[in-house]
Amino acid sequence: MASGRPVAAAGFAAPKELPFTGGDALPLVALGLAAIAAGSAAVAATRRRHARES
């Protein structure tokens, strides 16, 4: 007769630690900072060029 409670399978052992499912975020952060730096350099260069033309 089922009691409504889950039953563990025979031979199942609970893991001692949670599995590592993440990744290293440092390369993604470095890529983001490089994109911000490149964008800032492009804006600065554009503003300097417009200032010289005026």
PDB file of N, CA and C in Angstrom:
ATOM      1  N   MET A   1       0.838  -1.173   0.000  1.00  0.00           N
ATOM      2  CA  MET A   1       0.000   0.000   0.000  1.00  0.00           C
ATOM      3  C   MET A   1       0.889   1.245   0.000  1.00  0.00           C
ATOM      4  N   ALA A   2       0.618   2.191  -0.875  1.00  0.00           N
ATOM      5  CA  ALA A   2       1.424   3.405  -0.986  1.00  0.00           C
ATOM      6  C   ALA A   2       0.991   4.401   0.078  1.00  0.00           C
ATOM      7  N   SER A   3       1.990   5.000   0.703  1.00  0.00           N
ATOM      8  CA  SER A   3       1.683   5.972   1.757  1.00  0.00           C
ATOM      9  C   SER A   3       1.746   7.406   1.257  1.00  0.00           C
ATOM     10  N   GLY A   4       2.137   7.623   0.014  1.00  0.00           N
ATOM     11  CA  GLY A   4       2.229   8.980  -0.523  1.00  0.00           C
ATOM     12  C   GLY A   4       3.590   9.618  -0.300  1.00  0.00           C
ATOM     13  N   ARG A   5       4.471   8.910   0.407  1.00  0.00           N
ATOM     14  CA  ARG A   5       5.814   9.430   0.639  1.00  0.00           C
ATOM     15  C   ARG A   5       6.767   8.856  -0.391  1.00  0.00           C
ATOM     16  N   PRO A   6       7.756   9.648  -0.855  1.00  0.00           N
ATOM     17  CA  PRO A   6       8.722   9.104  -1.807  1.00  0.00           C
ATOM     18  C   PRO A   6       9.576   8.028  -1.156  1.00  0.00           C
ATOM     19  N   VAL A   7       9.919   7.035  -1.928  1.00  0.00           N
ATOM     20  CA  VAL A   7      10.724   5.928  -1.439  1.00  0.00           C
ATOM     21  C   VAL A   7      12.064   5.947  -2.161  1.00  0.00           C
ATOM     22  N   ALA A   8      13.160   5.857  -1.403  1.00  0.00           N
ATOM     23  CA  ALA A   8      14.500   5.855  -1.996  1.00  0.00           C
ATOM     24  C   ALA A   8      14.757   4.521  -2.680  1.00  0.00           C
ATOM     25  N   ALA A   9      15.434   4.566  -3.812  1.00  0.00           N
ATOM     26  CA  ALA A   9      15.783   3.348  -4.533  1.00  0.00           C
ATOM     27  C   ALA A   9      16.849   2.585  -3.755  1.00  0.00           C
ATOM     28  N   ALA A  10      16.849   1.311  -3.907  1.00  0.00           N
ATOM     29  CA  ALA A  10      17.834   0.477  -3.216  1.00  0.00           C
ATOM     30  C   ALA A  10      19.232   0.813  -3.715  1.00  0.00           C
ATOM     31  N   GLY A  11      20.177   0.958  -2.815  1.00  0.00           N
ATOM     32  CA  GLY A  11      21.556   1.230  -3.175  1.00  0.00           C
ATOM     33  C   GLY A  11      21.847   2.706  -3.424  1.00  0.00           C
ATOM     34  N   PHE A  12      20.894   3.581  -3.203  1.00  0.00           N
ATOM     35  CA  PHE A  12      21.111   5.010  -3.423  1.00  0.00           C
ATOM     36  C   PHE A  12      21.815   5.606  -2.211  1.00  0.00           C
ATOM     37  N   ALA A  13      22.890   6.336  -2.461  1.00  0.00           N
ATOM     38  CA  ALA A  13      23.613   7.027  -1.392  1.00  0.00           C
ATOM     39  C   ALA A  13      23.575   8.517  -1.692  1.00  0.00           C
ATOM     40  N   ALA A  14      23.198   9.308  -0.724  1.00  0.00           N
ATOM     41  CA  ALA A  14      23.138  10.760  -0.900  1.00  0.00           C
ATOM     42  C   ALA A  14      24.546  11.305  -1.101  1.00  0.00           C
ATOM     43  N   PRO A  15      24.721  12.251  -2.038  1.00  0.00           N
ATOM     44  CA  PRO A  15      26.060  12.825  -2.246  1.00  0.00           C
ATOM     45  C   PRO A  15      26.505  13.637  -1.028  1.00  0.00           C
ATOM     46  N   LYS A  16      27.809  13.691  -0.831  1.00  0.00           N
ATOM     47  CA  LYS A  16      28.352  14.428   0.312  1.00  0.00           C
ATOM     48  C   LYS A  16      28.393  15.927   0.044  1.00  0.00           C
ATOM     49  N   GLU A  17      28.551  16.300  -1.230  1.00  0.00           N
ATOM     50  CA  GLU A  17      28.598  17.720  -1.602  1.00  0.00           C
ATOM     51  C   GLU A  17      27.712  17.944  -2.814  1.00  0.00           C
ATOM     52  N   LEU A  18      27.337  19.180  -3.021  1.00  0.00           N
ATOM     53  CA  LEU A  18      26.591  19.519  -4.223  1.00  0.00           C
ATOM     54  C   LEU A  18      27.529  19.514  -5.424  1.00  0.00           C
ATOM     55  N   PRO A  19      27.054  19.155  -6.582  1.00  0.00           N
ATOM     56  CA  PRO A  19      27.921  19.174  -7.761  1.00  0.00           C
ATOM     57  C   PRO A  19      28.263  20.602  -8.173  1.00  0.00           C
ATOM     58  N   PHE A  20      29.431  20.779  -8.764  1.00  0.00           N
ATOM     59  CA  PHE A  20      29.843  22.097  -9.255  1.00  0.00           C
ATOM     60  C   PHE A  20      29.262  22.279 -10.650  1.00  0.00           C
ATOM     61  N   THR A  21      28.316  23.188 -10.772  1.00  0.00           N
ATOM     62  CA  THR A  21      27.670  23.413 -12.063  1.00  0.00           C
ATOM     63  C   THR A  21      27.979  24.784 -12.640  1.00  0.00           C
ATOM     64  N   GLY A  22      28.750  25.572 -11.948  1.00  0.00           N
ATOM     65  CA  GLY A  22      29.064  26.917 -12.420  1.00  0.00           C
ATOM     66  C   GLY A  22      30.315  26.937 -13.275  1.00  0.00           C
ATOM     67  N   GLY A  23      30.693  28.125 -13.638  1.00  0.00           N
ATOM     68  CA  GLY A  23      31.901  28.299 -14.442  1.00  0.00           C
ATOM     69  C   GLY A  23      32.708  29.457 -13.891  1.00  0.00           C
ATOM     70  N   ASP A  24      33.861  29.664 -14.469  1.00  0.00           N
ATOM     71  CA  ASP A  24      34.728  30.761 -14.061  1.00  0.00           C
ATOM     72  C   ASP A  24      34.219  32.055 -14.702  1.00  0.00           C
ATOM     73  N   ALA A  25      33.893  33.043 -13.916  1.00  0.00           N
ATOM     74  CA  ALA A  25      33.326  34.290 -14.427  1.00  0.00           C
ATOM     75  C   ALA A  25      34.397  35.299 -14.845  1.00  0.00           C
ATOM     76  N   LEU A  26      35.644  35.074 -14.492  1.00  0.00           N
ATOM     77  CA  LEU A  26      36.703  36.044 -14.783  1.00  0.00           C
ATOM     78  C   LEU A  26      36.848  36.347 -16.275  1.00  0.00           C
ATOM     79  N   PRO A  27      36.850  35.372 -17.178  1.00  0.00           N
ATOM     80  CA  PRO A  27      36.961  35.725 -18.601  1.00  0.00           C
ATOM     81  C   PRO A  27      35.790  36.577 -19.093  1.00  0.00           C
ATOM     82  N   LEU A  28      34.604  36.304 -18.609  1.00  0.00           N
ATOM     83  CA  LEU A  28      33.445  37.094 -19.017  1.00  0.00           C
ATOM     84  C   LEU A  28      33.544  38.528 -18.493  1.00  0.00           C
ATOM     85  N   VAL A  29      34.016  38.699 -17.270  1.00  0.00           N
ATOM     86  CA  VAL A  29      34.213  40.037 -16.703  1.00  0.00           C
ATOM     87  C   VAL A  29      35.284  40.787 -17.487  1.00  0.00           C
ATOM     88  N   ALA A  30      36.372  40.103 -17.825  1.00  0.00           N
ATOM     89  CA  ALA A  30      37.446  40.741 -18.598  1.00  0.00           C
ATOM     90  C   ALA A  30      36.953  41.167 -19.975  1.00  0.00           C
ATOM     91  N   LEU A  31      36.144  40.332 -20.609  1.00  0.00           N
ATOM     92  CA  LEU A  31      35.583  40.676 -21.911  1.00  0.00           C
ATOM     93  C   LEU A  31      34.662  41.889 -21.805  1.00  0.00           C
ATOM     94  N   GLY A  32      33.863  41.950 -20.771  1.00  0.00           N
ATOM     95  CA  GLY A  32      32.979  43.099 -20.561  1.00  0.00           C
ATOM     96  C   GLY A  32      33.758  44.384 -20.335  1.00  0.00           C
ATOM     97  N   LEU A  33      34.798  44.306 -19.523  1.00  0.00           N
ATOM     98  CA  LEU A  33      35.614  45.505 -19.272  1.00  0.00           C
ATOM     99  C   LEU A  33      36.343  45.953 -20.541  1.00  0.00           C
ATOM    100  N   ALA A  34      36.793  44.988 -21.342  1.00  0.00           N
ATOM    101  CA  ALA A  34      37.457  45.337 -22.596  1.00  0.00           C
ATOM    102  C   ALA A  34      36.466  46.015 -23.549  1.00  0.00           C
ATOM    103  N   ALA A  35      35.234  45.551 -23.577  1.00  0.00           N
ATOM    104  CA  ALA A  35      34.216  46.161 -24.433  1.00  0.00           C
ATOM    105  C   ALA A  35      33.895  47.583 -23.976  1.00  0.00           C
ATOM    106  N   ILE A  36      33.823  47.788 -22.671  1.00  0.00           N
ATOM    107  CA  ILE A  36      33.581  49.134 -22.140  1.00  0.00           C
ATOM    108  C   ILE A  36      34.740  50.060 -22.494  1.00  0.00           C
ATOM    109  N   ALA A  37      35.979  49.565 -22.355  1.00  0.00           N
ATOM    110  CA  ALA A  37      37.157  50.378 -22.685  1.00  0.00           C
ATOM    111  C   ALA A  37      37.183  50.722 -24.172  1.00  0.00           C
ATOM    112  N   ALA A  38      36.860  49.742 -25.022  1.00  0.00           N
ATOM    113  CA  ALA A  38      36.852  50.003 -26.464  1.00  0.00           C
ATOM    114  C   ALA A  38      35.765  51.015 -26.827  1.00  0.00           C
ATOM    115  N   GLY A  39      34.608  50.894 -26.229  1.00  0.00           N
ATOM    116  CA  GLY A  39      33.530  51.849 -26.477  1.00  0.00           C
ATOM    117  C   GLY A  39      33.895  53.243 -26.010  1.00  0.00           C
ATOM    118  N   SER A  40      34.510  53.335 -24.850  1.00  0.00           N
ATOM    119  CA  SER A  40      34.927  54.637 -24.323  1.00  0.00           C
ATOM    120  C   SER A  40      35.972  55.284 -25.225  1.00  0.00           C
ATOM    121  N   ALA A  41      36.916  54.484 -25.713  1.00  0.00           N
ATOM    122  CA  ALA A  41      37.944  55.005 -26.616  1.00  0.00           C
ATOM    123  C   ALA A  41      37.315  55.491 -27.925  1.00  0.00           C
ATOM    124  N   ALA A  42      36.324  54.765 -28.436  1.00  0.00           N
ATOM    125  CA  ALA A  42      35.659  55.176 -29.670  1.00  0.00           C
ATOM    126  C   ALA A  42      34.896  56.483 -29.484  1.00  0.00           C
ATOM    127  N   VAL A  43      34.215  56.631 -28.365  1.00  0.00           N
ATOM    128  CA  VAL A  43      33.484  57.877 -28.091  1.00  0.00           C
ATOM    129  C   VAL A  43      34.466  59.040 -27.938  1.00  0.00           C
ATOM    130  N   ALA A  44      35.559  58.813 -27.214  1.00  0.00           N
ATOM    131  CA  ALA A  44      36.550  59.877 -27.023  1.00  0.00           C
ATOM    132  C   ALA A  44      37.160  60.303 -28.352  1.00  0.00           C
ATOM    133  N   ALA A  45      37.480  59.346 -29.218  1.00  0.00           N
ATOM    134  CA  ALA A  45      38.063  59.669 -30.517  1.00  0.00           C
ATOM    135  C   ALA A  45      37.071  60.441 -31.380  1.00  0.00           C
ATOM    136  N   THR A  46      35.816  60.056 -31.340  1.00  0.00           N
ATOM    137  CA  THR A  46      34.787  60.752 -32.126  1.00  0.00           C
ATOM    138  C   THR A  46      34.608  62.186 -31.633  1.00  0.00           C
ATOM    139  N   ARG A  47      34.598  62.353 -30.327  1.00  0.00           N
ATOM    140  CA  ARG A  47      34.425  63.711 -29.780  1.00  0.00           C
ATOM    141  C   ARG A  47      35.618  64.597 -30.118  1.00  0.00           C
ATOM    142  N   ARG A  48      36.834  64.033 -30.080  1.00  0.00           N
ATOM    143  CA  ARG A  48      38.013  64.828 -30.427  1.00  0.00           C
ATOM    144  C   ARG A  48      37.971  65.240 -31.891  1.00  0.00           C
ATOM    145  N   ARG A  49      37.543  64.339 -32.763  1.00  0.00           N
ATOM    146  CA  ARG A  49      37.488  64.638 -34.190  1.00  0.00           C
ATOM    147  C   ARG A  49      36.455  65.726 -34.461  1.00  0.00           C
ATOM    148  N   HIS A  50      35.291  65.648 -33.797  1.00  0.00           N
ATOM    149  CA  HIS A  50      34.265  66.684 -33.991  1.00  0.00           C
ATOM    150  C   HIS A  50      34.717  68.031 -33.435  1.00  0.00           C
ATOM    151  N   ALA A  51      35.490  68.019 -32.356  1.00  0.00           N
ATOM    152  CA  ALA A  51      35.984  69.262 -31.766  1.00  0.00           C
ATOM    153  C   ALA A  51      36.986  69.932 -32.711  1.00  0.00           C
ATOM    154  N   ARG A  52      37.820  69.154 -33.401  1.00  0.00           N
ATOM    155  CA  ARG A  52      38.789  69.720 -34.343  1.00  0.00           C
ATOM    156  C   ARG A  52      38.107  70.297 -35.586  1.00  0.00           C
ATOM    157  N   GLU A  53      37.034  69.665 -36.011  1.00  0.00           N
ATOM    158  CA  GLU A  53      36.333  70.113 -37.215  1.00  0.00           C
ATOM    159  C   GLU A  53      35.525  71.386 -36.983  1.00  0.00           C
ATOM    160  N   SER A  54      35.190  71.682 -35.747  1.00  0.00           N
ATOM    161  CA  SER A  54      34.353  72.854 -35.458  1.00  0.00           C
ATOM    162  C   SER A  54      35.143  74.135 -35.481  1.00  0.00           C
TER     163      SER A  54
END
